[in-house]
Amino acid sequence: MSPPTVLVLGGGIAGLTTAHALRALRPDLDVVLLEARDELGGNVRTLHRDGCTVELGPDAFLNRPGDAEALCHTLGLGATLLAPDGASAGVMVAHRGGMLPLPDGLALGMPRSVTQLASTRLLSPLGKARAAMDLFLPDAHVADESVGAIVGRRFGREVKHNLVEPLIGGIYGGDLDELDAAVVMPMFANVRGSLIRALARTPRPAGGSPMRAPGGGLDGVVRALAESLGDERIIRGVAARSVARSGRGWRVTVDGAHLDADALVLATPPDAGRALLEAAAPDLAEQLGAFRLRPALTVVAAFARDELTLPRSSGVLIPRGAPEPLGALSAVTFVDRKWPGRVAEHLTVVRAAFRPASAADWIPRTDDAIAAHALEALRVLLALPAPRWTEVERFEAGTPCPTVGHVDRAARCREAARALGGLSIVGAAVDGPGLAGCIRGATQAAAAIVAGLG
């Protein structure tokens, strides 16, 4: 009897990791991965230019709880893993036309003690007093609450706008009043009293920054995953058009042909998954439509190192509502400060990420127009010379935005897929945030698929 066949739709990190884990758990499985683009990796896109390695999408993964780091070790990349440079670990916040340091030791922008806020100029005296009220406010808990609601209720408007929003908004690309606290800050989502006291009881993570990345770039993970599968198991440049039940399995229609499988993995953006399932599973298709991936836009600019000196910081966060042109950006990374070994000695490299709403407006424009606007925004903060070169990268579906109710929504989506038999949903929109979430979700899905195949 021939071995079971598993078809994976989508060649981003989630799809590649699922296929890799399936083969590792059960080598006899016939695993085939289908990717509509010619390139694998999804939103992992690494620029190698002029002796520099710069991530155009995500630039690292969280090493906790450890799924992503374990995968790198399995792929032979463990010895190459880097942490951001400790000497430049501090982050700045754009404030009134300048840059001020974010206080050390904050947790997602929230203080562990009132004294952490004593010297910062990001808060007014009244804002600091309002933050201290967290210690005395009555206990309260609201189910399915947003990050903005919790932070605003406990700490007030200034902490929410000047500390938490630049950090969390820069990661998730969403409004704090929409983001699900159970996803973004699960350790605090059920706290009824003081968040400061809750943070004080929580041990600080040891080992410096929790971020890790392969020294040669995240595209090394993509290549290693692809090599573990082999070219014969990967079909590039072919898009699935629809899926349907076929006996106890699934049939995928591609251009002029059908592919049959015992199990099917959707590792596509939610809009693509919704379109594929509309006929075969309309209820599940409708559920997928509730997940959002917002557009992203990145500009990288390189300068002669002797013409530009950057602050001793890993980058700058831009609060929502900053005046234009700076307000178009959400975050700026000083690449040779954060990852010094990745930038040629004669260059300084700056990476600017557009805010999702701005990205949607700018993506249709030319590379030159986008780069010019980013440089104009950066000159509000930095005395920039003319760049040696610039690069622009567009992501039509780049940033997962887990809105309130995400945890329950994702659980219902997975259960609905499981009930159909032989169908799994993975990817940043459901399993995120970040690469670590994608890898963890993919690994769990692979184990469930193998168990289901018997």
Protein backbone atom coordinates (compact mmCIF):
# COMPACT_ATOMS: atom_id res chain seq x y z
CA MET A 1 0.00 0.00 0.00
CA SER A 2 1.34 3.44 -0.94
CA PRO A 3 2.21 5.84 1.91
CA PRO A 4 -0.22 8.64 2.79
CA THR A 5 0.12 11.89 0.88
CA VAL A 6 0.10 15.32 2.52
CA LEU A 7 -0.18 18.46 0.43
CA VAL A 8 1.02 21.75 1.92
CA LEU A 9 -0.24 24.94 0.27
CA GLY A 10 2.12 27.85 0.96
CA GLY A 11 5.91 28.05 1.06
CA GLY A 12 6.40 30.55 3.85
CA ILE A 13 8.01 29.63 7.16
CA ALA A 14 4.78 28.01 8.41
CA GLY A 15 4.34 25.81 5.36
CA LEU A 16 8.02 24.85 5.12
CA THR A 17 8.20 24.03 8.83
CA THR A 18 5.04 21.91 8.65
CA ALA A 19 6.41 19.93 5.72
CA HIS A 20 9.80 19.52 7.42
CA ALA A 21 8.22 18.37 10.69
CA LEU A 22 5.97 15.89 8.88
CA ARG A 23 8.96 14.27 7.22
CA ALA A 24 10.91 14.24 10.47
CA LEU A 25 8.06 12.58 12.37
CA ARG A 26 7.20 10.10 9.63
CA PRO A 27 9.79 9.78 6.82
CA ASP A 28 7.57 7.52 4.73
CA LEU A 29 4.97 10.26 4.16
CA ASP A 30 4.69 11.60 0.63
CA VAL A 31 4.81 15.34 1.40
CA VAL A 32 4.44 17.87 -1.43
CA LEU A 33 4.61 21.65 -0.96
CA LEU A 34 2.98 24.04 -3.43
CA GLU A 35 4.06 27.72 -3.58
CA ALA A 36 2.43 30.23 -5.92
CA ARG A 37 5.51 32.47 -6.06
CA ASP A 38 8.84 31.52 -7.57
CA GLU A 39 10.54 32.28 -4.26
CA LEU A 40 10.04 30.47 -0.96
CA GLY A 41 10.01 32.08 2.47
CA GLY A 42 6.87 34.20 2.41
CA ASN A 43 7.61 37.36 4.39
CA VAL A 44 11.17 36.25 5.20
CA ARG A 45 13.20 38.24 2.68
CA THR A 46 16.87 38.92 3.28
CA LEU A 47 18.90 41.48 1.36
CA HIS A 48 22.56 40.67 0.67
CA ARG A 49 24.22 43.74 -0.85
CA ASP A 50 27.59 45.43 -0.71
CA GLY A 51 28.82 43.23 2.14
CA CYS A 52 25.64 43.78 4.20
CA THR A 53 22.95 41.38 5.37
CA VAL A 54 19.67 43.16 6.09
CA GLU A 55 16.26 41.66 6.78
CA LEU A 56 13.48 43.31 4.78
CA GLY A 57 10.76 41.48 6.71
CA PRO A 58 11.06 40.08 10.25
CA ASP A 59 14.63 40.42 11.49
CA ALA A 60 14.69 37.85 14.31
CA PHE A 61 12.61 35.38 16.31
CA LEU A 62 11.86 34.99 20.01
CA ASN A 63 13.88 32.18 21.57
CA ARG A 64 11.11 31.49 24.08
CA PRO A 65 9.54 29.00 24.48
CA GLY A 66 12.22 27.62 22.18
CA ASP A 67 10.56 26.10 19.10
CA ALA A 68 12.31 28.41 16.64
CA GLU A 69 15.73 28.00 18.24
CA ALA A 70 15.28 24.22 18.36
CA LEU A 71 14.42 24.21 14.65
CA CYS A 72 17.62 26.14 13.86
CA HIS A 73 19.69 23.60 15.79
CA THR A 74 17.96 20.75 13.93
CA LEU A 75 18.79 22.42 10.63
CA GLY A 76 22.46 22.85 11.58
CA LEU A 77 22.21 26.60 12.12
CA GLY A 78 22.42 26.62 15.91
CA ALA A 79 26.06 27.66 16.04
CA THR A 80 25.36 30.71 13.86
CA LEU A 81 22.62 32.22 16.03
CA LEU A 82 23.17 35.80 17.13
CA ALA A 83 21.54 38.04 19.72
CA PRO A 84 21.22 41.80 19.17
CA ASP A 85 24.27 43.73 20.32
CA GLY A 86 24.00 44.30 24.06
CA ALA A 87 25.84 47.63 23.99
CA SER A 88 23.15 49.05 21.71
CA ALA A 89 20.16 47.28 23.21
CA GLY A 90 18.36 50.45 24.25
CA VAL A 91 15.50 51.79 22.16
CA MET A 92 14.63 55.43 21.51
CA VAL A 93 11.19 56.97 21.07
CA ALA A 94 10.53 59.90 18.75
CA HIS A 95 9.21 62.73 20.89
CA ARG A 96 8.57 66.36 19.91
CA GLY A 97 10.98 66.33 16.99
CA GLY A 98 13.77 64.57 18.89
CA MET A 99 14.59 61.15 20.33
CA LEU A 100 14.38 60.09 23.97
CA PRO A 101 15.41 56.72 25.43
CA LEU A 102 12.72 54.27 26.45
CA PRO A 103 13.26 53.54 30.17
CA ASP A 104 15.23 50.37 30.84
CA GLY A 105 13.55 47.25 32.13
CA LEU A 106 10.01 47.89 30.93
CA ALA A 107 7.82 44.92 30.06
CA LEU A 108 6.03 45.59 26.77
CA GLY A 109 6.37 49.26 27.62
CA MET A 110 4.88 48.87 31.12
CA PRO A 111 6.80 49.67 34.31
CA ARG A 112 7.86 47.07 36.87
CA SER A 113 8.15 49.83 39.47
CA VAL A 114 7.26 53.51 39.78
CA THR A 115 10.95 54.42 40.09
CA GLN A 116 11.56 53.23 36.51
CA LEU A 117 9.56 56.22 35.31
CA ALA A 118 11.08 58.82 37.64
CA SER A 119 13.67 60.25 35.25
CA THR A 120 12.06 59.75 31.84
CA ARG A 121 11.06 62.81 29.86
CA LEU A 122 8.58 60.77 27.85
CA LEU A 123 6.04 61.34 30.63
CA SER A 124 4.95 64.56 32.30
CA PRO A 125 4.83 64.79 36.12
CA LEU A 126 1.07 64.31 35.88
CA GLY A 127 1.55 61.28 33.61
CA LYS A 128 3.95 59.72 36.13
CA ALA A 129 1.50 60.33 38.97
CA ARG A 130 -1.29 58.77 36.93
CA ALA A 131 0.85 55.70 36.23
CA ALA A 132 1.55 55.31 39.97
CA MET A 133 -2.20 55.11 40.59
CA ASP A 134 -2.04 51.53 39.26
CA LEU A 135 -0.87 50.56 42.75
CA PHE A 136 -4.06 51.89 44.35
CA LEU A 137 -6.84 51.40 41.82
CA PRO A 138 -9.48 48.79 42.72
CA ASP A 139 -9.25 45.31 41.25
CA ALA A 140 -11.08 44.83 37.97
CA HIS A 141 -11.17 42.30 35.16
CA VAL A 142 -12.95 42.43 31.82
CA ALA A 143 -13.12 39.39 29.57
CA ASP A 144 -11.85 39.80 26.00
CA GLU A 145 -10.24 43.15 26.72
CA SER A 146 -7.93 45.04 24.39
CA VAL A 147 -4.36 46.03 25.23
CA GLY A 148 -5.34 49.68 25.04
CA ALA A 149 -8.22 49.23 27.47
CA ILE A 150 -6.08 47.49 30.09
CA VAL A 151 -3.11 49.84 29.82
CA GLY A 152 -5.25 52.96 29.71
CA ARG A 153 -7.33 51.84 32.71
CA ARG A 154 -4.33 50.99 34.87
CA PHE A 155 -1.67 53.52 33.77
CA GLY A 156 -3.43 56.33 31.94
CA ARG A 157 -3.15 58.00 28.56
CA GLU A 158 0.54 59.00 28.61
CA VAL A 159 1.95 55.55 29.37
CA LYS A 160 -0.40 54.09 26.78
CA HIS A 161 0.53 56.61 24.06
CA ASN A 162 4.22 57.34 24.78
CA LEU A 163 5.55 53.99 26.06
CA VAL A 164 3.31 51.04 25.20
CA GLU A 165 1.86 52.08 21.83
CA PRO A 166 5.19 52.78 20.08
CA LEU A 167 6.53 49.38 21.15
CA ILE A 168 3.51 47.14 20.67
CA GLY A 169 2.08 49.12 17.77
CA GLY A 170 5.41 48.80 15.98
CA ILE A 171 5.36 45.03 16.36
CA TYR A 172 1.73 44.35 15.50
CA GLY A 173 0.89 47.29 13.28
CA GLY A 174 -2.47 47.72 14.95
CA ASP A 175 -4.35 50.08 17.20
CA LEU A 176 -3.90 49.17 20.88
CA ASP A 177 -7.65 49.46 21.32
CA GLU A 178 -8.12 46.63 18.80
CA LEU A 179 -5.29 44.26 19.81
CA ASP A 180 -6.22 41.22 21.90
CA ALA A 181 -4.54 41.38 25.31
CA ALA A 182 -4.75 37.59 25.59
CA VAL A 183 -2.35 37.33 22.62
CA VAL A 184 -0.13 40.37 23.05
CA MET A 185 0.28 40.27 26.84
CA PRO A 186 -1.14 36.94 28.01
CA MET A 187 0.64 37.10 31.36
CA PHE A 188 -1.43 40.18 32.28
CA ALA A 189 -4.73 39.50 30.55
CA ASN A 190 -6.26 37.92 33.67
CA VAL A 191 -4.62 40.11 36.30
CA ARG A 192 -7.35 41.79 38.38
CA GLY A 193 -5.25 44.25 40.37
CA SER A 194 -2.04 46.20 39.95
CA LEU A 195 0.01 45.40 36.85
CA ILE A 196 3.10 46.84 38.52
CA ARG A 197 2.76 44.34 41.38
CA ALA A 198 2.10 41.52 38.90
CA LEU A 199 5.25 42.45 36.99
CA ALA A 200 7.28 42.70 40.18
CA ARG A 201 6.30 39.10 40.98
CA THR A 202 7.35 37.92 37.53
CA PRO A 203 11.04 36.95 37.26
CA ARG A 204 12.93 38.86 34.61
CA PRO A 205 14.12 36.62 31.75
CA ALA A 206 17.78 35.72 32.07
CA GLY A 207 20.29 35.84 29.24
CA GLY A 208 19.77 39.31 27.82
CA SER A 209 17.65 39.85 24.74
CA PRO A 210 15.23 37.02 23.88
CA MET A 211 15.71 37.72 20.16
CA ARG A 212 17.83 35.47 17.97
CA ALA A 213 18.69 35.27 14.28
CA PRO A 214 21.15 33.29 12.15
CA GLY A 215 24.25 35.31 11.42
CA GLY A 216 23.87 34.82 7.69
CA GLY A 217 20.24 35.94 7.64
CA LEU A 218 16.84 34.35 8.08
CA ASP A 219 16.84 33.26 4.46
CA GLY A 220 19.31 30.60 5.63
CA VAL A 221 16.45 28.98 7.56
CA VAL A 222 14.32 29.02 4.41
CA ARG A 223 17.09 27.39 2.36
CA ALA A 224 17.77 24.75 5.00
CA LEU A 225 14.08 23.84 5.27
CA ALA A 226 13.81 23.58 1.49
CA GLU A 227 16.93 21.41 1.31
CA SER A 228 15.52 19.10 3.98
CA LEU A 229 12.51 18.49 1.74
CA GLY A 230 14.32 18.27 -1.58
CA ASP A 231 13.46 19.94 -4.87
CA GLU A 232 11.34 16.98 -5.92
CA ARG A 233 8.84 17.73 -3.13
CA ILE A 234 8.49 21.47 -3.86
CA ILE A 235 6.41 22.89 -6.72
CA ARG A 236 7.07 26.61 -7.27
CA GLY A 237 5.22 29.14 -9.37
CA VAL A 238 1.97 27.19 -9.37
CA ALA A 239 -1.09 28.51 -7.55
CA ALA A 240 -3.93 26.42 -6.15
CA ARG A 241 -7.30 27.51 -7.56
CA SER A 242 -9.71 25.58 -5.34
CA VAL A 243 -9.94 22.65 -2.94
CA ALA A 244 -12.65 20.01 -2.57
CA ARG A 245 -13.27 16.80 -0.69
CA SER A 246 -12.26 13.68 -2.59
CA GLY A 247 -13.31 10.48 -0.84
CA ARG A 248 -11.72 10.65 2.60
CA GLY A 249 -9.07 13.08 1.40
CA TRP A 250 -8.76 16.33 -0.54
CA ARG A 251 -8.38 17.37 -4.16
CA VAL A 252 -6.59 20.59 -5.07
CA THR A 253 -7.17 22.14 -8.46
CA VAL A 254 -4.23 23.90 -10.06
CA ASP A 255 -3.86 25.22 -13.61
CA GLY A 256 -5.24 22.40 -15.77
CA ALA A 257 -4.60 19.62 -13.26
CA HIS A 258 -5.65 18.05 -9.97
CA LEU A 259 -3.56 16.97 -6.98
CA ASP A 260 -5.02 14.47 -4.51
CA ALA A 261 -3.92 14.09 -0.89
CA ASP A 262 -4.93 12.26 2.26
CA ALA A 263 -4.31 15.42 4.31
CA LEU A 264 -4.20 19.08 3.37
CA VAL A 265 -2.39 21.96 5.09
CA LEU A 266 -3.39 25.56 4.35
CA ALA A 267 -0.35 27.73 5.05
CA THR A 268 -1.61 30.64 2.97
CA PRO A 269 -2.67 34.17 3.95
CA PRO A 270 -6.24 34.11 5.30
CA ASP A 271 -7.76 35.80 2.24
CA ALA A 272 -6.23 33.16 -0.05
CA GLY A 273 -7.41 30.36 2.24
CA ARG A 274 -10.89 31.82 2.30
CA ALA A 275 -11.07 31.88 -1.50
CA LEU A 276 -9.88 28.27 -1.75
CA LEU A 277 -12.46 26.99 0.74
CA GLU A 278 -15.51 28.98 -0.34
CA ALA A 279 -17.13 26.07 -2.17
CA ALA A 280 -15.91 23.12 -0.09
CA ALA A 281 -16.23 24.62 3.42
CA PRO A 282 -18.11 27.96 3.34
CA ASP A 283 -18.41 28.20 7.15
CA LEU A 284 -14.67 27.77 7.64
CA ALA A 285 -14.00 30.17 4.76
CA GLU A 286 -16.07 32.79 6.55
CA GLN A 287 -14.13 32.23 9.77
CA LEU A 288 -10.82 32.72 7.94
CA GLY A 289 -12.10 36.05 6.70
CA ALA A 290 -12.06 37.35 10.29
CA PHE A 291 -8.24 37.16 10.47
CA ARG A 292 -6.21 40.10 9.25
CA LEU A 293 -2.77 40.54 7.77
CA ARG A 294 -1.98 44.20 7.25
CA PRO A 295 0.30 45.51 4.49
CA ALA A 296 3.92 46.31 5.28
CA LEU A 297 6.52 48.39 3.52
CA THR A 298 10.25 48.53 4.27
CA VAL A 299 12.94 50.91 3.06
CA VAL A 300 16.64 50.24 3.62
CA ALA A 301 19.21 52.99 3.11
CA ALA A 302 22.99 52.67 3.26
CA PHE A 303 25.30 55.60 4.00
CA ALA A 304 29.05 56.07 4.13
CA ARG A 305 30.00 55.37 7.75
CA ASP A 306 32.25 58.41 8.01
CA GLU A 307 29.31 60.65 6.98
CA LEU A 308 26.70 59.48 9.51
CA THR A 309 27.00 58.72 13.22
CA LEU A 310 23.97 57.03 14.74
CA PRO A 311 22.89 57.12 18.40
CA ARG A 312 24.05 54.24 20.58
CA SER A 313 20.69 52.51 20.26
CA SER A 314 19.12 49.69 18.27
CA GLY A 315 16.56 52.05 16.76
CA VAL A 316 13.67 54.46 17.18
CA LEU A 317 9.95 53.83 17.71
CA ILE A 318 7.49 56.32 16.23
CA PRO A 319 4.28 56.93 18.25
CA ARG A 320 0.96 56.89 16.46
CA GLY A 321 -0.11 60.41 15.59
CA ALA A 322 3.41 61.77 15.02
CA PRO A 323 3.30 64.65 12.51
CA GLU A 324 4.04 63.96 8.86
CA PRO A 325 6.29 63.00 7.23
CA LEU A 326 7.59 61.12 10.30
CA GLY A 327 4.11 59.77 11.09
CA ALA A 328 4.22 57.54 8.01
CA LEU A 329 6.80 55.35 9.79
CA SER A 330 6.30 53.06 12.76
CA ALA A 331 9.89 52.06 13.55
CA VAL A 332 13.47 52.66 12.47
CA THR A 333 16.27 50.13 12.98
CA PHE A 334 19.93 51.11 13.12
CA VAL A 335 21.12 47.86 11.57
CA ASP A 336 24.86 48.21 12.28
CA ARG A 337 24.06 49.05 15.92
CA LYS A 338 21.66 46.16 16.42
CA TRP A 339 23.54 43.60 14.28
CA PRO A 340 27.09 44.99 13.94
CA GLY A 341 28.54 41.90 12.29
CA ARG A 342 26.06 42.14 9.41
CA VAL A 343 27.13 45.52 8.00
CA ALA A 344 30.30 46.26 6.03
CA GLU A 345 32.81 48.43 7.90
CA HIS A 346 32.55 51.31 5.42
CA LEU A 347 28.75 51.56 5.66
CA THR A 348 25.98 52.53 8.07
CA VAL A 349 22.57 51.01 7.33
CA VAL A 350 19.15 52.26 8.45
CA ARG A 351 15.91 50.34 7.98
CA ALA A 352 12.56 52.16 8.08
CA ALA A 353 9.22 50.37 8.46
CA PHE A 354 6.07 52.15 7.32
CA ARG A 355 2.94 52.14 9.45
CA PRO A 356 0.37 49.72 7.91
CA ALA A 357 -2.13 52.46 7.02
CA SER A 358 0.64 54.45 5.34
CA ALA A 359 2.01 51.32 3.67
CA ALA A 360 -1.34 50.72 1.97
CA ASP A 361 -1.17 54.23 0.48
CA TRP A 362 2.47 54.05 -0.57
CA ILE A 363 2.81 50.47 -1.90
CA PRO A 364 1.40 51.34 -5.36
CA ARG A 365 3.95 54.14 -5.83
CA THR A 366 7.43 53.88 -7.34
CA ASP A 367 10.49 52.76 -5.41
CA ASP A 368 12.07 56.19 -5.86
CA ALA A 369 9.01 57.98 -4.43
CA ILE A 370 8.79 55.61 -1.47
CA ALA A 371 12.51 55.90 -0.65
CA ALA A 372 12.39 59.69 -0.96
CA HIS A 373 9.49 59.92 1.48
CA ALA A 374 11.21 57.60 3.97
CA LEU A 375 14.40 59.68 3.82
CA GLU A 376 12.41 62.88 4.31
CA ALA A 377 10.82 61.33 7.41
CA LEU A 378 14.18 60.16 8.76
CA ARG A 379 15.66 63.63 8.38
CA VAL A 380 13.23 64.84 11.04
CA LEU A 381 15.35 62.81 13.49
CA LEU A 382 18.76 62.40 11.84
CA ALA A 383 21.16 64.57 9.84
CA LEU A 384 21.30 62.24 6.87
CA PRO A 385 23.75 62.62 4.00
CA ALA A 386 22.87 61.34 0.54
CA PRO A 387 22.52 57.54 0.65
CA ARG A 388 24.90 55.26 -1.23
CA TRP A 389 21.92 53.08 -2.15
CA THR A 390 18.36 52.29 -1.14
CA GLU A 391 16.15 49.21 -1.36
CA VAL A 392 12.34 49.02 -1.11
CA GLU A 393 10.32 45.90 -0.28
CA ARG A 394 6.54 45.58 -0.37
CA PHE A 395 4.41 43.11 1.60
CA GLU A 396 0.76 43.05 0.55
CA ALA A 397 -0.03 40.83 3.55
CA GLY A 398 2.77 41.37 6.00
CA THR A 399 1.78 42.04 9.61
CA PRO A 400 -0.62 39.84 11.61
CA CYS A 401 -3.09 41.88 13.65
CA PRO A 402 -4.68 39.74 16.42
CA THR A 403 -7.79 41.72 17.32
CA VAL A 404 -9.91 41.18 20.44
CA GLY A 405 -11.29 37.63 20.54
CA HIS A 406 -8.36 36.21 18.53
CA VAL A 407 -7.63 33.26 20.84
CA ASP A 408 -11.18 31.92 20.72
CA ARG A 409 -11.45 32.70 17.01
CA ALA A 410 -8.26 30.75 16.22
CA ALA A 411 -9.38 27.79 18.36
CA ARG A 412 -12.76 27.66 16.58
CA CYS A 413 -11.02 27.84 13.20
CA ARG A 414 -8.69 24.95 14.01
CA GLU A 415 -11.56 22.88 15.39
CA ALA A 416 -13.70 23.54 12.30
CA ALA A 417 -10.82 22.42 10.07
CA ARG A 418 -10.24 19.33 12.20
CA ALA A 419 -13.94 18.44 12.02
CA LEU A 420 -13.77 18.38 8.23
CA GLY A 421 -11.12 15.66 8.47
CA GLY A 422 -7.55 15.85 7.22
CA LEU A 423 -7.41 19.66 7.05
CA SER A 424 -5.05 21.92 9.04
CA ILE A 425 -4.68 25.71 9.17
CA VAL A 426 -1.28 27.24 9.99
CA GLY A 427 0.42 30.60 9.56
CA ALA A 428 1.06 34.00 11.10
CA ALA A 429 -2.56 35.15 11.01
CA VAL A 430 -3.70 32.23 13.18
CA ASP A 431 -0.56 31.08 15.01
CA GLY A 432 1.45 34.30 15.27
CA PRO A 433 2.83 36.61 16.31
CA GLY A 434 6.19 36.38 14.68
CA LEU A 435 8.28 33.54 13.34
CA ALA A 436 8.28 31.76 16.68
CA GLY A 437 4.48 31.56 16.64
CA CYS A 438 4.48 30.26 13.06
CA ILE A 439 7.06 27.59 13.85
CA ARG A 440 5.31 26.49 17.03
CA GLY A 441 1.92 26.27 15.27
CA ALA A 442 3.41 24.37 12.34
CA THR A 443 5.18 21.88 14.60
CA GLN A 444 1.97 21.21 16.55
CA ALA A 445 -0.05 20.83 13.35
CA ALA A 446 2.43 18.30 11.96
CA ALA A 447 2.16 16.17 15.10
CA ALA A 448 -1.64 16.25 14.90
CA ILE A 449 -1.59 15.28 11.22
CA VAL A 450 0.68 12.30 11.84
CA ALA A 451 -1.53 11.17 14.72
CA GLY A 452 -4.61 11.51 12.53
CA LEU A 453 -3.10 9.47 9.70
CA GLY A 454 -2.52 6.59 12.12
